[in-house]
């Protein structure tokens, strides 16, 4: 096992960390995060945005050059190309993620799937964008995923919708396989994740025989994910395919806890940040030790977790 105290990269080298940023960029980032760390300003911001939406007041002029600019690459592939080039000049690749979710009709799901296929084709043509990504809720009904995850019976119409969803997922994974562009599938709420995990494992078994093209996402703020990853690894080895995955800490903590409390079941969320950090770092060691059968991406801003990957 690797020495957990080994440190081979100095993250305090600010020249390296911020080489691609101007003083104005850094000042803007500082002010943005200062506001985001202030609960009063965050609460006020939510109310103002909700009010603006309610009266149809345009807010793009303030959102796009601030929050949007920091967290999003662009509204289209072409719009993102300048940032992609800038990152690549610093030896950083980009993952194209068409972040659409929560659509309601089959035509919209089909349109999103078509755009995702275009993204994969674009990624294939450029070494600057070695991955693509998508969300199940961008190409299928959330309510349908809830019913399937709960093993509830489907109506004839729902069964047809489910088959169309499976066809979209397979089309995406098939093109990713044919063009050799690994696809990262985002994790979602715990009450639809069982359906996602099942379908994604099926796609891995179909397309990951030679290498990990299809890659699931595991949110380590859930207390069961470490064991789930190990379970999926056992399945992959027994069925003869590579396990592909990305680990993140997670994005729905408040929603998960509120729903669990409201519906009277045990929260799927870790009891503390320390517990999340422990599982996150422990699984990194497991992934490194099994790198011959697992392809993985570690998505984190955490310095300690990042250090573990630099040995």
Protein backbone atom coordinates (compact mmCIF):
# COMPACT_ATOMS: atom_id res chain seq x y z
CA UNK A 1 0.00 0.00 0.00
CA UNK A 2 1.11 3.55 -0.73
CA UNK A 3 2.29 5.71 2.14
CA UNK A 4 -0.69 7.87 3.09
CA UNK A 5 1.59 10.63 4.32
CA UNK A 6 3.60 10.92 1.13
CA UNK A 7 3.42 14.36 -0.51
CA UNK A 8 5.05 14.93 -3.88
CA UNK A 9 3.24 18.05 -5.12
CA UNK A 10 3.26 21.46 -3.48
CA UNK A 11 -0.17 23.02 -3.88
CA UNK A 12 1.05 26.20 -2.22
CA UNK A 13 2.90 27.19 -5.40
CA UNK A 14 0.59 30.05 -6.34
CA UNK A 15 2.54 30.90 -9.48
CA UNK A 16 1.74 27.50 -10.95
CA UNK A 17 -1.84 27.41 -9.66
CA UNK A 18 -2.85 30.84 -10.97
CA UNK A 19 -0.53 31.23 -13.94
CA UNK A 20 -3.45 31.44 -16.36
CA UNK A 21 -5.33 34.09 -14.37
CA UNK A 22 -4.98 37.87 -14.44
CA UNK A 23 -5.17 40.02 -11.31
CA UNK A 24 -8.70 41.04 -12.31
CA UNK A 25 -9.67 37.37 -12.72
CA UNK A 26 -8.38 36.55 -9.24
CA UNK A 27 -10.11 39.56 -7.70
CA UNK A 28 -13.39 38.57 -9.33
CA UNK A 29 -13.05 34.98 -8.07
CA UNK A 30 -12.24 36.21 -4.57
CA UNK A 31 -15.29 38.47 -4.42
CA UNK A 32 -17.55 35.77 -5.88
CA UNK A 33 -16.56 33.15 -3.31
CA UNK A 34 -16.66 35.74 -0.54
CA UNK A 35 -20.31 36.35 -1.37
CA UNK A 36 -21.06 32.64 -1.78
CA UNK A 37 -19.65 31.93 1.68
CA UNK A 38 -21.98 34.48 3.24
CA UNK A 39 -25.34 32.84 4.14
CA UNK A 40 -27.13 36.20 4.23
CA UNK A 41 -26.07 37.14 0.71
CA UNK A 42 -26.84 33.63 -0.59
CA UNK A 43 -30.35 33.71 0.89
CA UNK A 44 -30.94 37.20 -0.50
CA UNK A 45 -29.62 36.15 -3.90
CA UNK A 46 -32.03 33.21 -4.08
CA UNK A 47 -34.98 35.46 -3.28
CA UNK A 48 -33.94 38.08 -5.83
CA UNK A 49 -33.46 35.48 -8.58
CA UNK A 50 -36.85 33.89 -7.82
CA UNK A 51 -38.49 37.32 -7.90
CA UNK A 52 -36.76 38.18 -11.18
CA UNK A 53 -38.02 34.96 -12.76
CA UNK A 54 -41.53 35.61 -11.44
CA UNK A 55 -41.75 39.04 -13.10
CA UNK A 56 -39.75 37.95 -16.17
CA UNK A 57 -36.96 40.42 -15.41
CA UNK A 58 -33.79 39.66 -17.44
CA UNK A 59 -30.83 38.66 -15.26
CA UNK A 60 -28.48 37.25 -17.90
CA UNK A 61 -26.50 40.50 -17.95
CA UNK A 62 -25.38 39.98 -14.34
CA UNK A 63 -25.30 36.17 -14.11
CA UNK A 64 -23.30 35.40 -17.26
CA UNK A 65 -20.16 37.50 -16.50
CA UNK A 66 -20.07 36.39 -12.84
CA UNK A 67 -21.36 33.01 -11.60
CA UNK A 68 -21.89 31.55 -15.06
CA UNK A 69 -18.45 32.58 -16.29
CA UNK A 70 -16.75 30.88 -13.35
CA UNK A 71 -18.65 27.58 -13.41
CA UNK A 72 -19.65 27.11 -17.08
CA UNK A 73 -17.65 26.89 -20.27
CA UNK A 74 -20.30 28.19 -22.64
CA UNK A 75 -23.78 27.72 -24.04
CA UNK A 76 -22.58 25.68 -27.03
CA UNK A 77 -19.49 23.85 -28.26
CA UNK A 78 -18.51 26.88 -30.31
CA UNK A 79 -19.07 29.19 -27.36
CA UNK A 80 -16.82 26.97 -25.21
CA UNK A 81 -13.99 26.63 -27.73
CA UNK A 82 -12.03 29.67 -26.50
CA UNK A 83 -11.88 28.32 -22.95
CA UNK A 84 -11.07 24.81 -24.23
CA UNK A 85 -8.09 26.22 -26.15
CA UNK A 86 -6.96 28.26 -23.14
CA UNK A 87 -7.03 25.19 -20.89
CA UNK A 88 -5.25 23.02 -23.43
CA UNK A 89 -2.43 25.55 -23.71
CA UNK A 90 -1.80 24.77 -20.03
CA UNK A 91 -1.95 20.99 -20.62
CA UNK A 92 -5.48 20.72 -19.23
CA UNK A 93 -8.13 18.78 -21.12
CA UNK A 94 -11.85 19.59 -21.04
CA UNK A 95 -14.89 17.38 -20.53
CA UNK A 96 -17.83 18.46 -22.67
CA UNK A 97 -20.97 18.11 -20.55
CA UNK A 98 -24.23 19.15 -22.18
CA UNK A 99 -25.86 19.97 -18.85
CA UNK A 100 -29.56 19.70 -19.67
CA UNK A 101 -31.93 18.01 -17.24
CA UNK A 102 -35.54 17.97 -16.12
CA UNK A 103 -37.14 17.99 -19.58
CA UNK A 104 -40.70 16.67 -19.80
CA UNK A 105 -41.51 15.36 -23.29
CA UNK A 106 -40.11 12.68 -25.59
CA UNK A 107 -39.30 15.17 -28.36
CA UNK A 108 -37.12 17.18 -25.98
CA UNK A 109 -35.39 14.01 -24.78
CA UNK A 110 -34.68 13.07 -28.41
CA UNK A 111 -33.31 16.56 -29.13
CA UNK A 112 -31.00 16.37 -26.12
CA UNK A 113 -29.78 12.93 -27.17
CA UNK A 114 -29.05 14.24 -30.67
CA UNK A 115 -26.96 17.07 -29.22
CA UNK A 116 -25.08 14.62 -26.98
CA UNK A 117 -24.20 12.55 -30.04
CA UNK A 118 -22.88 15.72 -31.69
CA UNK A 119 -20.75 16.40 -28.60
CA UNK A 120 -19.25 12.90 -28.76
CA UNK A 121 -18.46 13.35 -32.46
CA UNK A 122 -16.76 16.68 -31.67
CA UNK A 123 -14.74 15.15 -28.84
CA UNK A 124 -13.56 12.43 -31.19
CA UNK A 125 -12.03 15.02 -33.51
CA UNK A 126 -10.04 16.86 -30.83
CA UNK A 127 -7.53 15.63 -28.27
CA UNK A 128 -8.40 18.74 -26.27
CA UNK A 129 -11.70 17.11 -25.23
CA UNK A 130 -10.95 13.45 -24.40
CA UNK A 131 -14.27 12.77 -22.60
CA UNK A 132 -17.96 13.55 -22.92
CA UNK A 133 -20.65 13.45 -20.23
CA UNK A 134 -24.40 13.38 -19.76
CA UNK A 135 -27.23 13.06 -17.24
CA UNK A 136 -30.00 10.47 -17.45
CA UNK A 137 -32.53 13.15 -16.49
CA UNK A 138 -31.62 15.03 -19.66
CA UNK A 139 -32.87 12.17 -21.85
CA UNK A 140 -35.62 10.59 -19.76
CA UNK A 141 -38.40 11.21 -17.28
CA UNK A 142 -37.40 11.65 -13.64
CA UNK A 143 -40.76 10.28 -12.46
CA UNK A 144 -40.29 7.20 -14.62
CA UNK A 145 -36.87 6.59 -13.07
CA UNK A 146 -38.41 6.81 -9.60
CA UNK A 147 -40.97 4.12 -10.44
CA UNK A 148 -38.35 1.80 -11.93
CA UNK A 149 -35.99 2.29 -8.98
CA UNK A 150 -38.89 1.35 -6.67
CA UNK A 151 -39.75 -1.72 -8.79
CA UNK A 152 -43.25 -0.33 -9.39
CA UNK A 153 -45.32 -1.67 -12.32
CA UNK A 154 -45.31 0.47 -15.47
CA UNK A 155 -48.23 1.31 -17.72
CA UNK A 156 -47.99 0.53 -21.44
CA UNK A 157 -47.11 4.16 -22.15
CA UNK A 158 -44.46 4.18 -19.43
CA UNK A 159 -42.97 0.94 -20.76
CA UNK A 160 -42.66 2.53 -24.20
CA UNK A 161 -41.01 5.59 -22.65
CA UNK A 162 -38.60 3.36 -20.76
CA UNK A 163 -37.63 1.51 -23.93
CA UNK A 164 -37.03 4.84 -25.67
CA UNK A 165 -34.82 5.92 -22.77
CA UNK A 166 -32.81 2.69 -23.00
CA UNK A 167 -32.44 3.24 -26.75
CA UNK A 168 -31.07 6.74 -26.18
CA UNK A 169 -28.60 5.51 -23.57
CA UNK A 170 -27.46 2.71 -25.86
CA UNK A 171 -27.08 5.09 -28.83
CA UNK A 172 -24.85 7.36 -26.73
CA UNK A 173 -22.73 4.51 -25.37
CA UNK A 174 -22.49 2.81 -28.77
CA UNK A 175 -21.20 5.95 -30.50
CA UNK A 176 -18.78 6.53 -27.62
CA UNK A 177 -17.48 3.00 -28.14
CA UNK A 178 -17.24 3.35 -31.92
CA UNK A 179 -15.39 6.69 -31.71
CA UNK A 180 -13.32 5.72 -28.65
CA UNK A 181 -14.56 8.63 -26.54
CA UNK A 182 -15.15 7.65 -22.88
CA UNK A 183 -18.49 8.91 -21.58
CA UNK A 184 -19.01 9.98 -17.96
CA UNK A 185 -22.55 9.47 -16.68
CA UNK A 186 -23.49 11.83 -13.85
CA UNK A 187 -24.84 10.56 -10.54
CA UNK A 188 -28.26 11.81 -9.47
CA UNK A 189 -30.63 11.67 -6.49
CA UNK A 190 -30.43 8.51 -4.39
CA UNK A 191 -34.04 7.53 -5.10
CA UNK A 192 -33.40 7.15 -8.84
CA UNK A 193 -29.78 5.95 -8.65
CA UNK A 194 -30.70 2.21 -8.45
CA UNK A 195 -32.18 2.35 -11.94
CA UNK A 196 -29.16 4.27 -13.25
CA UNK A 197 -26.66 1.86 -11.71
CA UNK A 198 -28.43 -1.14 -13.23
CA UNK A 199 -28.59 0.30 -16.75
CA UNK A 200 -25.02 1.61 -16.61
CA UNK A 201 -23.67 -1.78 -15.54
CA UNK A 202 -25.47 -3.31 -18.53
CA UNK A 203 -23.83 -0.73 -20.80
CA UNK A 204 -20.42 -1.47 -19.27
CA UNK A 205 -20.87 -5.17 -19.86
CA UNK A 206 -21.70 -4.41 -23.49
CA UNK A 207 -19.08 -1.77 -24.30
CA UNK A 208 -16.28 -2.10 -21.71
CA UNK A 209 -14.86 -5.47 -22.75
CA UNK A 210 -11.65 -3.94 -24.16
CA UNK A 211 -11.39 -0.72 -22.13
CA UNK A 212 -13.56 1.48 -19.94
CA UNK A 213 -15.70 3.53 -22.32
CA UNK A 214 -18.83 3.79 -20.16
CA UNK A 215 -18.14 5.32 -16.74
CA UNK A 216 -20.53 5.69 -13.80
CA UNK A 217 -20.34 8.37 -11.09
CA UNK A 218 -20.35 7.60 -7.37
CA UNK A 219 -21.13 10.25 -4.74
CA UNK A 220 -19.00 9.50 -1.71
CA UNK A 221 -21.10 11.61 0.65
CA UNK A 222 -23.42 8.62 0.58
CA UNK A 223 -22.43 6.16 3.30
CA UNK A 224 -23.01 3.09 1.09
CA UNK A 225 -20.99 4.04 -1.98
CA UNK A 226 -17.63 2.58 -0.95
CA UNK A 227 -19.15 -0.88 -0.66
CA UNK A 228 -21.24 -0.38 -3.81
CA UNK A 229 -18.11 0.38 -5.84
CA UNK A 230 -16.46 -2.77 -4.52
CA UNK A 231 -19.59 -4.77 -5.33
CA UNK A 232 -19.68 -3.40 -8.87
CA UNK A 233 -15.99 -4.22 -9.24
CA UNK A 234 -16.68 -7.84 -8.31
CA UNK A 235 -19.46 -7.96 -10.92
CA UNK A 236 -17.17 -6.44 -13.56
CA UNK A 237 -14.40 -8.96 -12.90
CA UNK A 238 -16.78 -11.92 -12.91
CA UNK A 239 -18.44 -10.80 -16.16
CA UNK A 240 -15.17 -9.88 -17.86
CA UNK A 241 -15.46 -6.13 -18.37
CA UNK A 242 -13.63 -3.03 -17.10
CA UNK A 243 -15.27 -0.95 -14.39
CA UNK A 244 -15.28 2.71 -15.36
CA UNK A 245 -16.06 5.35 -12.79
CA UNK A 246 -15.73 8.89 -11.50
CA UNK A 247 -15.85 9.70 -7.80
CA UNK A 248 -17.21 12.95 -6.41
CA UNK A 249 -18.22 14.02 -2.94
CA UNK A 250 -21.78 14.89 -3.97
CA UNK A 251 -24.23 17.61 -4.89
CA UNK A 252 -27.63 16.98 -3.28
CA UNK A 253 -26.91 16.80 0.45
CA UNK A 254 -29.62 19.18 1.69
CA UNK A 255 -32.27 17.70 -0.62
CA UNK A 256 -31.36 14.15 0.40
CA UNK A 257 -31.54 14.88 4.12
CA UNK A 258 -34.77 16.86 3.85
CA UNK A 259 -36.48 14.12 1.83
CA UNK A 260 -35.31 11.38 4.21
CA UNK A 261 -36.64 13.34 7.19
CA UNK A 262 -39.93 14.14 5.49
CA UNK A 263 -40.56 10.56 4.34
CA UNK A 264 -39.27 8.90 7.51
CA UNK A 265 -36.36 6.82 6.25
CA UNK A 266 -32.69 6.76 7.22
CA UNK A 267 -30.66 9.42 5.44
CA UNK A 268 -28.27 8.04 2.80
CA UNK A 269 -25.81 10.85 3.61
CA UNK A 270 -22.68 10.38 5.70
CA UNK A 271 -22.98 11.57 9.34
CA UNK A 272 -20.13 14.09 8.92
CA UNK A 273 -17.72 15.65 6.45
CA UNK A 274 -14.93 13.65 8.10
CA UNK A 275 -16.76 10.41 7.29
CA UNK A 276 -17.16 11.53 3.68
CA UNK A 277 -13.46 12.42 3.46
CA UNK A 278 -12.46 9.04 4.90
CA UNK A 279 -14.53 7.04 2.40
CA UNK A 280 -13.38 9.29 -0.44
CA UNK A 281 -9.70 8.80 0.38
CA UNK A 282 -10.10 5.10 1.17
CA UNK A 283 -11.68 4.43 -2.21
CA UNK A 284 -8.82 6.27 -3.94
CA UNK A 285 -6.41 3.70 -2.52
CA UNK A 286 -8.69 0.88 -3.60
CA UNK A 287 -8.87 2.28 -7.13
CA UNK A 288 -5.11 2.71 -7.38
CA UNK A 289 -4.53 -0.84 -6.17
CA UNK A 290 -6.96 -2.17 -8.80
CA UNK A 291 -5.98 0.08 -11.69
CA UNK A 292 -5.51 -2.94 -13.96
CA UNK A 293 -9.28 -3.60 -13.95
CA UNK A 294 -10.68 -0.16 -13.10
CA UNK A 295 -10.48 3.10 -15.05
CA UNK A 296 -11.24 6.05 -12.80
CA UNK A 297 -11.46 9.81 -12.55
CA UNK A 298 -11.21 11.61 -9.22
CA UNK A 299 -13.21 14.83 -9.22
CA UNK A 300 -12.23 16.94 -6.22
CA UNK A 301 -10.98 20.31 -5.02
CA UNK A 302 -9.77 18.76 -1.77
CA UNK A 303 -6.02 19.14 -1.29
CA UNK A 304 -5.50 15.98 0.76
CA UNK A 305 -7.42 13.83 -1.72
CA UNK A 306 -5.48 15.35 -4.60
CA UNK A 307 -2.18 14.61 -2.85
CA UNK A 308 -3.02 10.90 -2.77
CA UNK A 309 -3.03 10.83 -6.57
CA UNK A 310 0.40 12.42 -7.03
CA UNK A 311 2.57 9.72 -5.48
